[in-house]
Amino acid sequence: MSKLHVKTGDQVVVINGKDRGARGKVLQVSPSEGKVIVEGINIVSKHVKPRRMGEQGGIIKAESALYASKVQLICPKCGRPTRVGHVFVEEKGAMKKMRVCKKADCGAKFE
């Protein structure tokens, strides 16, 4: 899988799993693995060892990656979870590929 339907900074909703229905912002995208890291979603406990003298170790909570197919983009205009379509728009004499909302009554274009 080399291309994903979400980008860093997008608002998404989780569509299955333990965090189903939760919304968050995409922090990181890994197209080679087909995974994304979403803010506040899929929290795991990590055991951290102290690296330097005087530094404290312990258990920290951090977001873990989840498959991109488990998240759906939220349209910035209508605010509903949607599939993503693509259209070509002429901008300053050049064709630009833009993402669009697939909802019948919306069709908003977004970056």
PDB file of N, CA and C in Angstrom:
ATOM      1  N   MET A   1       0.852  -1.179   0.000  1.00  0.00           N
ATOM      2  CA  MET A   1       0.000   0.000   0.000  1.00  0.00           C
ATOM      3  C   MET A   1       0.896   1.240   0.000  1.00  0.00           C
ATOM      4  N   SER A   2       0.786   2.080  -1.007  1.00  0.00           N
ATOM      5  CA  SER A   2       1.681   3.226  -1.072  1.00  0.00           C
ATOM      6  C   SER A   2       0.960   4.554  -0.892  1.00  0.00           C
ATOM      7  N   LYS A   3      -0.337   4.618  -1.193  1.00  0.00           N
ATOM      8  CA  LYS A   3      -1.073   5.866  -1.032  1.00  0.00           C
ATOM      9  C   LYS A   3      -2.183   5.683  -0.013  1.00  0.00           C
ATOM     10  N   LEU A   4      -2.416   6.735   0.750  1.00  0.00           N
ATOM     11  CA  LEU A   4      -3.465   6.697   1.757  1.00  0.00           C
ATOM     12  C   LEU A   4      -4.475   7.806   1.499  1.00  0.00           C
ATOM     13  N   HIS A   5      -5.670   7.626   1.997  1.00  0.00           N
ATOM     14  CA  HIS A   5      -6.738   8.597   1.809  1.00  0.00           C
ATOM     15  C   HIS A   5      -6.704   9.727   2.830  1.00  0.00           C
ATOM     16  N   VAL A   6      -5.810   9.642   3.818  1.00  0.00           N
ATOM     17  CA  VAL A   6      -5.696  10.692   4.829  1.00  0.00           C
ATOM     18  C   VAL A   6      -4.306  11.308   4.802  1.00  0.00           C
ATOM     19  N   LYS A   7      -4.220  12.536   5.258  1.00  0.00           N
ATOM     20  CA  LYS A   7      -2.943  13.251   5.348  1.00  0.00           C
ATOM     21  C   LYS A   7      -2.756  13.744   6.776  1.00  0.00           C
ATOM     22  N   THR A   8      -1.541  14.144   7.096  1.00  0.00           N
ATOM     23  CA  THR A   8      -1.248  14.703   8.408  1.00  0.00           C
ATOM     24  C   THR A   8      -2.070  15.979   8.614  1.00  0.00           C
ATOM     25  N   GLY A   9      -2.710  16.079   9.765  1.00  0.00           N
ATOM     26  CA  GLY A   9      -3.525  17.254  10.077  1.00  0.00           C
ATOM     27  C   GLY A   9      -5.009  17.069   9.824  1.00  0.00           C
ATOM     28  N   ASP A  10      -5.414  15.996   9.143  1.00  0.00           N
ATOM     29  CA  ASP A  10      -6.831  15.728   8.874  1.00  0.00           C
ATOM     30  C   ASP A  10      -7.557  15.320  10.157  1.00  0.00           C
ATOM     31  N   GLN A  11      -8.845  15.662  10.229  1.00  0.00           N
ATOM     32  CA  GLN A  11      -9.700  15.187  11.309  1.00  0.00           C
ATOM     33  C   GLN A  11     -10.320  13.873  10.853  1.00  0.00           C
ATOM     34  N   VAL A  12     -10.222  12.842  11.685  1.00  0.00           N
ATOM     35  CA  VAL A  12     -10.750  11.523  11.325  1.00  0.00           C
ATOM     36  C   VAL A  12     -11.584  10.948  12.456  1.00  0.00           C
ATOM     37  N   VAL A  13     -12.387   9.926  12.117  1.00  0.00           N
ATOM     38  CA  VAL A  13     -13.160   9.169  13.092  1.00  0.00           C
ATOM     39  C   VAL A  13     -12.785   7.699  12.937  1.00  0.00           C
ATOM     40  N   VAL A  14     -12.662   6.997  14.071  1.00  0.00           N
ATOM     41  CA  VAL A  14     -12.325   5.571  14.046  1.00  0.00           C
ATOM     42  C   VAL A  14     -13.608   4.791  13.772  1.00  0.00           C
ATOM     43  N   ILE A  15     -13.569   3.886  12.783  1.00  0.00           N
ATOM     44  CA  ILE A  15     -14.790   3.179  12.386  1.00  0.00           C
ATOM     45  C   ILE A  15     -14.891   1.764  12.928  1.00  0.00           C
ATOM     46  N   ASN A  16     -13.811   1.223  13.521  1.00  0.00           N
ATOM     47  CA  ASN A  16     -13.942  -0.057  14.213  1.00  0.00           C
ATOM     48  C   ASN A  16     -12.813  -0.242  15.203  1.00  0.00           C
ATOM     49  N   GLY A  17     -13.012  -1.196  16.121  1.00  0.00           N
ATOM     50  CA  GLY A  17     -12.017  -1.431  17.156  1.00  0.00           C
ATOM     51  C   GLY A  17     -12.455  -0.864  18.498  1.00  0.00           C
ATOM     52  N   LYS A  18     -11.536  -0.889  19.467  1.00  0.00           N
ATOM     53  CA  LYS A  18     -11.877  -0.469  20.827  1.00  0.00           C
ATOM     54  C   LYS A  18     -12.186   1.021  20.935  1.00  0.00           C
ATOM     55  N   ASP A  19     -11.658   1.841  20.031  1.00  0.00           N
ATOM     56  CA  ASP A  19     -11.889   3.293  20.060  1.00  0.00           C
ATOM     57  C   ASP A  19     -12.932   3.729  19.040  1.00  0.00           C
ATOM     58  N   ARG A  20     -13.836   2.826  18.659  1.00  0.00           N
ATOM     59  CA  ARG A  20     -14.835   3.123  17.633  1.00  0.00           C
ATOM     60  C   ARG A  20     -15.644   4.374  17.980  1.00  0.00           C
ATOM     61  N   GLY A  21     -15.787   5.270  17.001  1.00  0.00           N
ATOM     62  CA  GLY A  21     -16.554   6.490  17.186  1.00  0.00           C
ATOM     63  C   GLY A  21     -15.738   7.662  17.688  1.00  0.00           C
ATOM     64  N   ALA A  22     -14.513   7.415  18.118  1.00  0.00           N
ATOM     65  CA  ALA A  22     -13.671   8.495  18.638  1.00  0.00           C
ATOM     66  C   ALA A  22     -13.108   9.328  17.493  1.00  0.00           C
ATOM     67  N   ARG A  23     -13.029  10.628  17.711  1.00  0.00           N
ATOM     68  CA  ARG A  23     -12.496  11.543  16.697  1.00  0.00           C
ATOM     69  C   ARG A  23     -11.156  12.100  17.145  1.00  0.00           C
ATOM     70  N   GLY A  24     -10.307  12.418  16.170  1.00  0.00           N
ATOM     71  CA  GLY A  24      -9.008  12.979  16.497  1.00  0.00           C
ATOM     72  C   GLY A  24      -8.295  13.479  15.264  1.00  0.00           C
ATOM     73  N   LYS A  25      -7.155  14.115  15.487  1.00  0.00           N
ATOM     74  CA  LYS A  25      -6.353  14.682  14.406  1.00  0.00           C
ATOM     75  C   LYS A  25      -5.203  13.737  14.080  1.00  0.00           C
ATOM     76  N   VAL A  26      -4.939  13.564  12.785  1.00  0.00           N
ATOM     77  CA  VAL A  26      -3.853  12.689  12.356  1.00  0.00           C
ATOM     78  C   VAL A  26      -2.524  13.382  12.643  1.00  0.00           C
ATOM     79  N   LEU A  27      -1.677  12.725  13.443  1.00  0.00           N
ATOM     80  CA  LEU A  27      -0.382  13.288  13.805  1.00  0.00           C
ATOM     81  C   LEU A  27       0.711  12.840  12.845  1.00  0.00           C
ATOM     82  N   GLN A  28       0.629  11.584  12.388  1.00  0.00           N
ATOM     83  CA  GLN A  28       1.688  11.021  11.554  1.00  0.00           C
ATOM     84  C   GLN A  28       1.090   9.979  10.616  1.00  0.00           C
ATOM     85  N   VAL A  29       1.629   9.917   9.390  1.00  0.00           N
ATOM     86  CA  VAL A  29       1.167   8.958   8.389  1.00  0.00           C
ATOM     87  C   VAL A  29       2.355   8.135   7.919  1.00  0.00           C
ATOM     88  N   SER A  30       2.167   6.829   7.826  1.00  0.00           N
ATOM     89  CA  SER A  30       3.198   5.932   7.321  1.00  0.00           C
ATOM     90  C   SER A  30       2.639   5.151   6.133  1.00  0.00           C
ATOM     91  N   PRO A  31       2.803   5.683   4.900  1.00  0.00           N
ATOM     92  CA  PRO A  31       2.222   5.021   3.727  1.00  0.00           C
ATOM     93  C   PRO A  31       2.816   3.645   3.447  1.00  0.00           C
ATOM     94  N   SER A  32       4.090   3.435   3.772  1.00  0.00           N
ATOM     95  CA  SER A  32       4.712   2.144   3.500  1.00  0.00           C
ATOM     96  C   SER A  32       4.087   1.030   4.346  1.00  0.00           C
ATOM     97  N   GLU A  33       3.665   1.342   5.562  1.00  0.00           N
ATOM     98  CA  GLU A  33       3.024   0.368   6.442  1.00  0.00           C
ATOM     99  C   GLU A  33       1.508   0.424   6.332  1.00  0.00           C
ATOM    100  N   GLY A  34       0.969   1.506   5.753  1.00  0.00           N
ATOM    101  CA  GLY A  34      -0.478   1.679   5.664  1.00  0.00           C
ATOM    102  C   GLY A  34      -1.093   2.029   7.006  1.00  0.00           C
ATOM    103  N   LYS A  35      -0.328   2.722   7.858  1.00  0.00           N
ATOM    104  CA  LYS A  35      -0.789   3.054   9.200  1.00  0.00           C
ATOM    105  C   LYS A  35      -0.766   4.556   9.458  1.00  0.00           C
ATOM    106  N   VAL A  36      -1.551   4.966  10.454  1.00  0.00           N
ATOM    107  CA  VAL A  36      -1.598   6.359  10.887  1.00  0.00           C
ATOM    108  C   VAL A  36      -1.553   6.412  12.408  1.00  0.00           C
ATOM    109  N   ILE A  37      -1.092   7.534  12.943  1.00  0.00           N
ATOM    110  CA  ILE A  37      -1.144   7.791  14.379  1.00  0.00           C
ATOM    111  C   ILE A  37      -2.097   8.955  14.585  1.00  0.00           C
ATOM    112  N   VAL A  38      -3.127   8.719  15.412  1.00  0.00           N
ATOM    113  CA  VAL A  38      -4.168   9.719  15.644  1.00  0.00           C
ATOM    114  C   VAL A  38      -4.093  10.189  17.084  1.00  0.00           C
ATOM    115  N   GLU A  39      -4.230  11.487  17.269  1.00  0.00           N
ATOM    116  CA  GLU A  39      -4.130  12.118  18.587  1.00  0.00           C
ATOM    117  C   GLU A  39      -5.212  11.587  19.535  1.00  0.00           C
ATOM    118  N   GLY A  40      -4.779  11.024  20.673  1.00  0.00           N
ATOM    119  CA  GLY A  40      -5.706  10.553  21.698  1.00  0.00           C
ATOM    120  C   GLY A  40      -6.360   9.211  21.413  1.00  0.00           C
ATOM    121  N   ILE A  41      -5.949   8.517  20.356  1.00  0.00           N
ATOM    122  CA  ILE A  41      -6.554   7.243  19.965  1.00  0.00           C
ATOM    123  C   ILE A  41      -5.516   6.135  20.086  1.00  0.00           C
ATOM    124  N   ASN A  42      -5.958   4.931  20.459  1.00  0.00           N
ATOM    125  CA  ASN A  42      -5.104   3.742  20.568  1.00  0.00           C
ATOM    126  C   ASN A  42      -3.948   3.982  21.541  1.00  0.00           C
ATOM    127  N   ILE A  43      -4.279   4.418  22.754  1.00  0.00           N
ATOM    128  CA  ILE A  43      -3.288   4.713  23.784  1.00  0.00           C
ATOM    129  C   ILE A  43      -2.729   3.406  24.354  1.00  0.00           C
ATOM    130  N   VAL A  44      -1.406   3.302  24.411  1.00  0.00           N
ATOM    131  CA  VAL A  44      -0.738   2.136  24.983  1.00  0.00           C
ATOM    132  C   VAL A  44       0.235   2.607  26.059  1.00  0.00           C
ATOM    133  N   SER A  45       0.579   1.693  26.974  1.00  0.00           N
ATOM    134  CA  SER A  45       1.551   1.994  28.020  1.00  0.00           C
ATOM    135  C   SER A  45       2.923   1.536  27.563  1.00  0.00           C
ATOM    136  N   LYS A  46       3.903   2.426  27.620  1.00  0.00           N
ATOM    137  CA  LYS A  46       5.273   2.088  27.247  1.00  0.00           C
ATOM    138  C   LYS A  46       6.154   2.144  28.490  1.00  0.00           C
ATOM    139  N   HIS A  47       7.004   1.135  28.638  1.00  0.00           N
ATOM    140  CA  HIS A  47       7.959   1.112  29.738  1.00  0.00           C
ATOM    141  C   HIS A  47       9.244   1.775  29.257  1.00  0.00           C
ATOM    142  N   VAL A  48       9.644   2.842  29.910  1.00  0.00           N
ATOM    143  CA  VAL A  48      10.803   3.629  29.491  1.00  0.00           C
ATOM    144  C   VAL A  48      11.908   3.512  30.525  1.00  0.00           C
ATOM    145  N   LYS A  49      13.097   3.159  30.054  1.00  0.00           N
ATOM    146  CA  LYS A  49      14.261   3.087  30.947  1.00  0.00           C
ATOM    147  C   LYS A  49      14.936   4.455  30.995  1.00  0.00           C
ATOM    148  N   PRO A  50      15.511   4.799  32.133  1.00  0.00           N
ATOM    149  CA  PRO A  50      16.260   6.055  32.188  1.00  0.00           C
ATOM    150  C   PRO A  50      17.517   5.938  31.332  1.00  0.00           C
ATOM    151  N   ARG A  51      17.771   6.911  30.506  1.00  0.00           N
ATOM    152  CA  ARG A  51      18.913   6.883  29.587  1.00  0.00           C
ATOM    153  C   ARG A  51      20.159   7.540  30.187  1.00  0.00           C
ATOM    154  N   ARG A  52      19.967   8.603  30.963  1.00  0.00           N
ATOM    155  CA  ARG A  52      21.104   9.316  31.555  1.00  0.00           C
ATOM    156  C   ARG A  52      21.033   9.239  33.070  1.00  0.00           C
ATOM    157  N   MET A  53      22.132   9.554  33.692  1.00  0.00           N
ATOM    158  CA  MET A  53      22.179   9.582  35.159  1.00  0.00           C
ATOM    159  C   MET A  53      21.222  10.666  35.663  1.00  0.00           C
ATOM    160  N   GLY A  54      20.382  10.309  36.585  1.00  0.00           N
ATOM    161  CA  GLY A  54      19.452  11.279  37.151  1.00  0.00           C
ATOM    162  C   GLY A  54      18.120  11.355  36.421  1.00  0.00           C
ATOM    163  N   GLU A  55      18.036  10.829  35.202  1.00  0.00           N
ATOM    164  CA  GLU A  55      16.791  10.841  34.443  1.00  0.00           C
ATOM    165  C   GLU A  55      15.862   9.771  35.000  1.00  0.00           C
ATOM    166  N   GLN A  56      14.574  10.070  35.013  1.00  0.00           N
ATOM    167  CA  GLN A  56      13.622   9.136  35.598  1.00  0.00           C
ATOM    168  C   GLN A  56      12.984   8.271  34.522  1.00  0.00           C
ATOM    169  N   GLY A  57      12.870   6.971  34.792  1.00  0.00           N
ATOM    170  CA  GLY A  57      12.173   6.048  33.904  1.00  0.00           C
ATOM    171  C   GLY A  57      10.751   5.871  34.396  1.00  0.00           C
ATOM    172  N   GLY A  58      10.049   4.920  33.829  1.00  0.00           N
ATOM    173  CA  GLY A  58       8.697   4.641  34.300  1.00  0.00           C
ATOM    174  C   GLY A  58       7.801   4.221  33.154  1.00  0.00           C
ATOM    175  N   ILE A  59       6.523   4.241  33.424  1.00  0.00           N
ATOM    176  CA  ILE A  59       5.522   3.861  32.432  1.00  0.00           C
ATOM    177  C   ILE A  59       4.859   5.132  31.920  1.00  0.00           C
ATOM    178  N   ILE A  60       4.899   5.320  30.593  1.00  0.00           N
ATOM    179  CA  ILE A  60       4.253   6.488  29.986  1.00  0.00           C
ATOM    180  C   ILE A  60       3.159   6.011  29.039  1.00  0.00           C
ATOM    181  N   LYS A  61       2.195   6.858  28.816  1.00  0.00           N
ATOM    182  CA  LYS A  61       1.114   6.547  27.880  1.00  0.00           C
ATOM    183  C   LYS A  61       1.397   7.284  26.577  1.00  0.00           C
ATOM    184  N   ALA A  62       1.247   6.567  25.445  1.00  0.00           N
ATOM    185  CA  ALA A  62       1.520   7.162  24.140  1.00  0.00           C
ATOM    186  C   ALA A  62       0.561   6.596  23.099  1.00  0.00           C
ATOM    187  N   GLU A  63       0.346   7.367  22.020  1.00  0.00           N
ATOM    188  CA  GLU A  63      -0.493   6.904  20.928  1.00  0.00           C
ATOM    189  C   GLU A  63       0.272   5.883  20.100  1.00  0.00           C
ATOM    190  N   SER A  64      -0.403   4.824  19.711  1.00  0.00           N
ATOM    191  CA  SER A  64       0.195   3.799  18.861  1.00  0.00           C
ATOM    192  C   SER A  64      -0.455   3.868  17.488  1.00  0.00           C
ATOM    193  N   ALA A  65       0.229   3.312  16.491  1.00  0.00           N
ATOM    194  CA  ALA A  65      -0.282   3.342  15.123  1.00  0.00           C
ATOM    195  C   ALA A  65      -1.461   2.389  14.953  1.00  0.00           C
ATOM    196  N   LEU A  66      -2.382   2.755  14.061  1.00  0.00           N
ATOM    197  CA  LEU A  66      -3.451   1.857  13.682  1.00  0.00           C
ATOM    198  C   LEU A  66      -3.609   1.914  12.170  1.00  0.00           C
ATOM    199  N   TYR A  67      -4.198   0.880  11.586  1.00  0.00           N
ATOM    200  CA  TYR A  67      -4.323   0.806  10.142  1.00  0.00           C
ATOM    201  C   TYR A  67      -5.197   1.935   9.614  1.00  0.00           C
ATOM    202  N   ALA A  68      -4.791   2.516   8.494  1.00  0.00           N
ATOM    203  CA  ALA A  68      -5.507   3.644   7.900  1.00  0.00           C
ATOM    204  C   ALA A  68      -6.904   3.246   7.449  1.00  0.00           C
ATOM    205  N   SER A  69      -7.119   1.963   7.159  1.00  0.00           N
ATOM    206  CA  SER A  69      -8.440   1.509   6.736  1.00  0.00           C
ATOM    207  C   SER A  69      -9.453   1.556   7.878  1.00  0.00           C
ATOM    208  N   LYS A  70      -8.977   1.714   9.113  1.00  0.00           N
ATOM    209  CA  LYS A  70      -9.869   1.785  10.273  1.00  0.00           C
ATOM    210  C   LYS A  70     -10.313   3.202  10.590  1.00  0.00           C
ATOM    211  N   VAL A  71      -9.839   4.181   9.820  1.00  0.00           N
ATOM    212  CA  VAL A  71     -10.264   5.564  10.048  1.00  0.00           C
ATOM    213  C   VAL A  71     -10.941   6.116   8.805  1.00  0.00           C
ATOM    214  N   GLN A  72     -11.869   7.044   9.033  1.00  0.00           N
ATOM    215  CA  GLN A  72     -12.577   7.688   7.936  1.00  0.00           C
ATOM    216  C   GLN A  72     -12.470   9.196   8.112  1.00  0.00           C
ATOM    217  N   LEU A  73     -12.214   9.887   7.019  1.00  0.00           N
ATOM    218  CA  LEU A  73     -12.027  11.330   7.033  1.00  0.00           C
ATOM    219  C   LEU A  73     -13.324  12.050   7.388  1.00  0.00           C
ATOM    220  N   ILE A  74     -13.222  13.128   8.154  1.00  0.00           N
ATOM    221  CA  ILE A  74     -14.373  13.961   8.487  1.00  0.00           C
ATOM    222  C   ILE A  74     -14.329  15.188   7.584  1.00  0.00           C
ATOM    223  N   CYS A  75     -15.425  15.420   6.871  1.00  0.00           N
ATOM    224  CA  CYS A  75     -15.513  16.564   5.953  1.00  0.00           C
ATOM    225  C   CYS A  75     -15.495  17.861   6.765  1.00  0.00           C
ATOM    226  N   PRO A  76     -14.630  18.819   6.412  1.00  0.00           N
ATOM    227  CA  PRO A  76     -14.581  20.078   7.178  1.00  0.00           C
ATOM    228  C   PRO A  76     -15.827  20.947   6.994  1.00  0.00           C
ATOM    229  N   LYS A  77     -16.572  20.735   5.892  1.00  0.00           N
ATOM    230  CA  LYS A  77     -17.757  21.554   5.631  1.00  0.00           C
ATOM    231  C   LYS A  77     -19.004  20.995   6.324  1.00  0.00           C
ATOM    232  N   CYS A  78     -19.317  19.714   6.067  1.00  0.00           N
ATOM    233  CA  CYS A  78     -20.547  19.144   6.621  1.00  0.00           C
ATOM    234  C   CYS A  78     -20.333  18.458   7.966  1.00  0.00           C
ATOM    235  N   GLY A  79     -19.077  18.161   8.340  1.00  0.00           N
ATOM    236  CA  GLY A  79     -18.765  17.580   9.640  1.00  0.00           C
ATOM    237  C   GLY A  79     -19.120  16.122   9.796  1.00  0.00           C
ATOM    238  N   ARG A  80     -19.377  15.427   8.677  1.00  0.00           N
ATOM    239  CA  ARG A  80     -19.732  14.008   8.729  1.00  0.00           C
ATOM    240  C   ARG A  80     -18.580  13.153   8.215  1.00  0.00           C
ATOM    241  N   PRO A  81     -18.473  11.910   8.697  1.00  0.00           N
ATOM    242  CA  PRO A  81     -17.475  10.994   8.142  1.00  0.00           C
ATOM    243  C   PRO A  81     -17.813  10.704   6.681  1.00  0.00           C
ATOM    244  N   THR A  82     -16.796  10.699   5.828  1.00  0.00           N
ATOM    245  CA  THR A  82     -17.047  10.540   4.403  1.00  0.00           C
ATOM    246  C   THR A  82     -15.925   9.788   3.718  1.00  0.00           C
ATOM    247  N   ARG A  83     -16.263   9.191   2.579  1.00  0.00           N
ATOM    248  CA  ARG A  83     -15.228   8.638   1.723  1.00  0.00           C
ATOM    249  C   ARG A  83     -14.630   9.808   0.949  1.00  0.00           C
ATOM    250  N   VAL A  84     -13.475   9.579   0.337  1.00  0.00           N
ATOM    251  CA  VAL A  84     -12.785  10.661  -0.354  1.00  0.00           C
ATOM    252  C   VAL A  84     -12.791  10.403  -1.852  1.00  0.00           C
ATOM    253  N   GLY A  85     -13.207  11.421  -2.603  1.00  0.00           N
ATOM    254  CA  GLY A  85     -13.117  11.358  -4.053  1.00  0.00           C
ATOM    255  C   GLY A  85     -12.063  12.348  -4.518  1.00  0.00           C
ATOM    256  N   HIS A  86     -11.691  12.281  -5.786  1.00  0.00           N
ATOM    257  CA  HIS A  86     -10.692  13.195  -6.332  1.00  0.00           C
ATOM    258  C   HIS A  86     -11.216  13.850  -7.596  1.00  0.00           C
ATOM    259  N   VAL A  87     -10.939  15.138  -7.738  1.00  0.00           N
ATOM    260  CA  VAL A  87     -11.263  15.882  -8.956  1.00  0.00           C
ATOM    261  C   VAL A  87     -10.059  16.727  -9.334  1.00  0.00           C
ATOM    262  N   PHE A  88      -9.976  17.061 -10.612  1.00  0.00           N
ATOM    263  CA  PHE A  88      -8.915  17.942 -11.088  1.00  0.00           C
ATOM    264  C   PHE A  88      -9.492  19.339 -11.254  1.00  0.00           C
ATOM    265  N   VAL A  89      -8.825  20.323 -10.642  1.00  0.00           N
ATOM    266  CA  VAL A  89      -9.261  21.718 -10.675  1.00  0.00           C
ATOM    267  C   VAL A  89      -8.152  22.538 -11.304  1.00  0.00           C
ATOM    268  N   GLU A  90      -8.548  23.445 -12.213  1.00  0.00           N
ATOM    269  CA  GLU A  90      -7.543  24.307 -12.832  1.00  0.00           C
ATOM    270  C   GLU A  90      -7.271  25.486 -11.904  1.00  0.00           C
ATOM    271  N   GLU A  91      -6.021  25.628 -11.516  1.00  0.00           N
ATOM    272  CA  GLU A  91      -5.630  26.684 -10.602  1.00  0.00           C
ATOM    273  C   GLU A  91      -4.397  27.391 -11.147  1.00  0.00           C
ATOM    274  N   LYS A  92      -4.535  28.662 -11.504  1.00  0.00           N
ATOM    275  CA  LYS A  92      -3.441  29.473 -12.053  1.00  0.00           C
ATOM    276  C   LYS A  92      -2.828  28.821 -13.289  1.00  0.00           C
ATOM    277  N   GLY A  93      -3.685  28.297 -14.158  1.00  0.00           N
ATOM    278  CA  GLY A  93      -3.222  27.719 -15.416  1.00  0.00           C
ATOM    279  C   GLY A  93      -2.696  26.303 -15.314  1.00  0.00           C
ATOM    280  N   ALA A  94      -2.678  25.719 -14.124  1.00  0.00           N
ATOM    281  CA  ALA A  94      -2.187  24.353 -13.939  1.00  0.00           C
ATOM    282  C   ALA A  94      -3.288  23.500 -13.327  1.00  0.00           C
ATOM    283  N   MET A  95      -3.301  22.225 -13.673  1.00  0.00           N
ATOM    284  CA  MET A  95      -4.288  21.308 -13.119  1.00  0.00           C
ATOM    285  C   MET A  95      -3.807  20.819 -11.752  1.00  0.00           C
ATOM    286  N   LYS A  96      -4.704  20.856 -10.791  1.00  0.00           N
ATOM    287  CA  LYS A  96      -4.376  20.422  -9.437  1.00  0.00           C
ATOM    288  C   LYS A  96      -5.394  19.376  -8.999  1.00  0.00           C
ATOM    289  N   LYS A  97      -4.899  18.262  -8.432  1.00  0.00           N
ATOM    290  CA  LYS A  97      -5.768  17.197  -7.952  1.00  0.00           C
ATOM    291  C   LYS A  97      -6.199  17.524  -6.527  1.00  0.00           C
ATOM    292  N   MET A  98      -7.521  17.595  -6.300  1.00  0.00           N
ATOM    293  CA  MET A  98      -8.050  17.928  -4.979  1.00  0.00           C
ATOM    294  C   MET A  98      -8.952  16.818  -4.476  1.00  0.00           C
ATOM    295  N   ARG A  99      -9.010  16.689  -3.149  1.00  0.00           N
ATOM    296  CA  ARG A  99      -9.912  15.720  -2.541  1.00  0.00           C
ATOM    297  C   ARG A  99     -11.280  16.362  -2.357  1.00  0.00           C
ATOM    298  N   VAL A 100     -12.333  15.560  -2.499  1.00  0.00           N
ATOM    299  CA  VAL A 100     -13.700  16.053  -2.343  1.00  0.00           C
ATOM    300  C   VAL A 100     -14.503  15.114  -1.457  1.00  0.00           C
ATOM    301  N   CYS A 101     -15.517  15.669  -0.807  1.00  0.00           N
ATOM    302  CA  CYS A 101     -16.450  14.909   0.016  1.00  0.00           C
ATOM    303  C   CYS A 101     -17.391  14.145  -0.908  1.00  0.00           C
ATOM    304  N   LYS A 102     -17.627  12.855  -0.644  1.00  0.00           N
ATOM    305  CA  LYS A 102     -18.469  12.029  -1.493  1.00  0.00           C
ATOM    306  C   LYS A 102     -19.944  12.052  -1.092  1.00  0.00           C
ATOM    307  N   LYS A 103     -20.294  12.794  -0.052  1.00  0.00           N
ATOM    308  CA  LYS A 103     -21.702  12.903   0.336  1.00  0.00           C
ATOM    309  C   LYS A 103     -22.463  13.640  -0.757  1.00  0.00           C
ATOM    310  N   ALA A 104     -23.650  13.151  -1.097  1.00  0.00           N
ATOM    311  CA  ALA A 104     -24.430  13.672  -2.235  1.00  0.00           C
ATOM    312  C   ALA A 104     -24.779  15.155  -2.080  1.00  0.00           C
ATOM    313  N   ASP A 105     -25.110  15.586  -0.869  1.00  0.00           N
ATOM    314  CA  ASP A 105     -25.538  16.960  -0.665  1.00  0.00           C
ATOM    315  C   ASP A 105     -24.408  17.914  -0.276  1.00  0.00           C
ATOM    316  N   CYS A 106     -23.167  17.424  -0.214  1.00  0.00           N
ATOM    317  CA  CYS A 106     -22.044  18.266   0.209  1.00  0.00           C
ATOM    318  C   CYS A 106     -21.099  18.552  -0.966  1.00  0.00           C
ATOM    319  N   GLY A 107     -20.235  17.604  -1.295  1.00  0.00           N
ATOM    320  CA  GLY A 107     -19.296  17.773  -2.415  1.00  0.00           C
ATOM    321  C   GLY A 107     -18.219  18.825  -2.183  1.00  0.00           C
ATOM    322  N   ALA A 108     -17.901  19.141  -0.927  1.00  0.00           N
ATOM    323  CA  ALA A 108     -16.911  20.176  -0.631  1.00  0.00           C
ATOM    324  C   ALA A 108     -15.518  19.740  -1.034  1.00  0.00           C
ATOM    325  N   LYS A 109     -14.722  20.687  -1.541  1.00  0.00           N
ATOM    326  CA  LYS A 109     -13.332  20.424  -1.890  1.00  0.00           C
ATOM    327  C   LYS A 109     -12.472  20.819  -0.700  1.00  0.00           C
ATOM    328  N   PHE A 110     -11.443  20.029  -0.417  1.00  0.00           N
ATOM    329  CA  PHE A 110     -10.533  20.374   0.663  1.00  0.00           C
ATOM    330  C   PHE A 110      -9.141  19.879   0.350  1.00  0.00           C
ATOM    331  N   GLU A 111      -8.167  20.472   1.011  1.00  0.00           N
ATOM    332  CA  GLU A 111      -6.743  20.143   0.766  1.00  0.00           C
ATOM    333  C   GLU A 111      -6.384  18.827   1.373  1.00  0.00           C
TER     334      GLU A 111
END
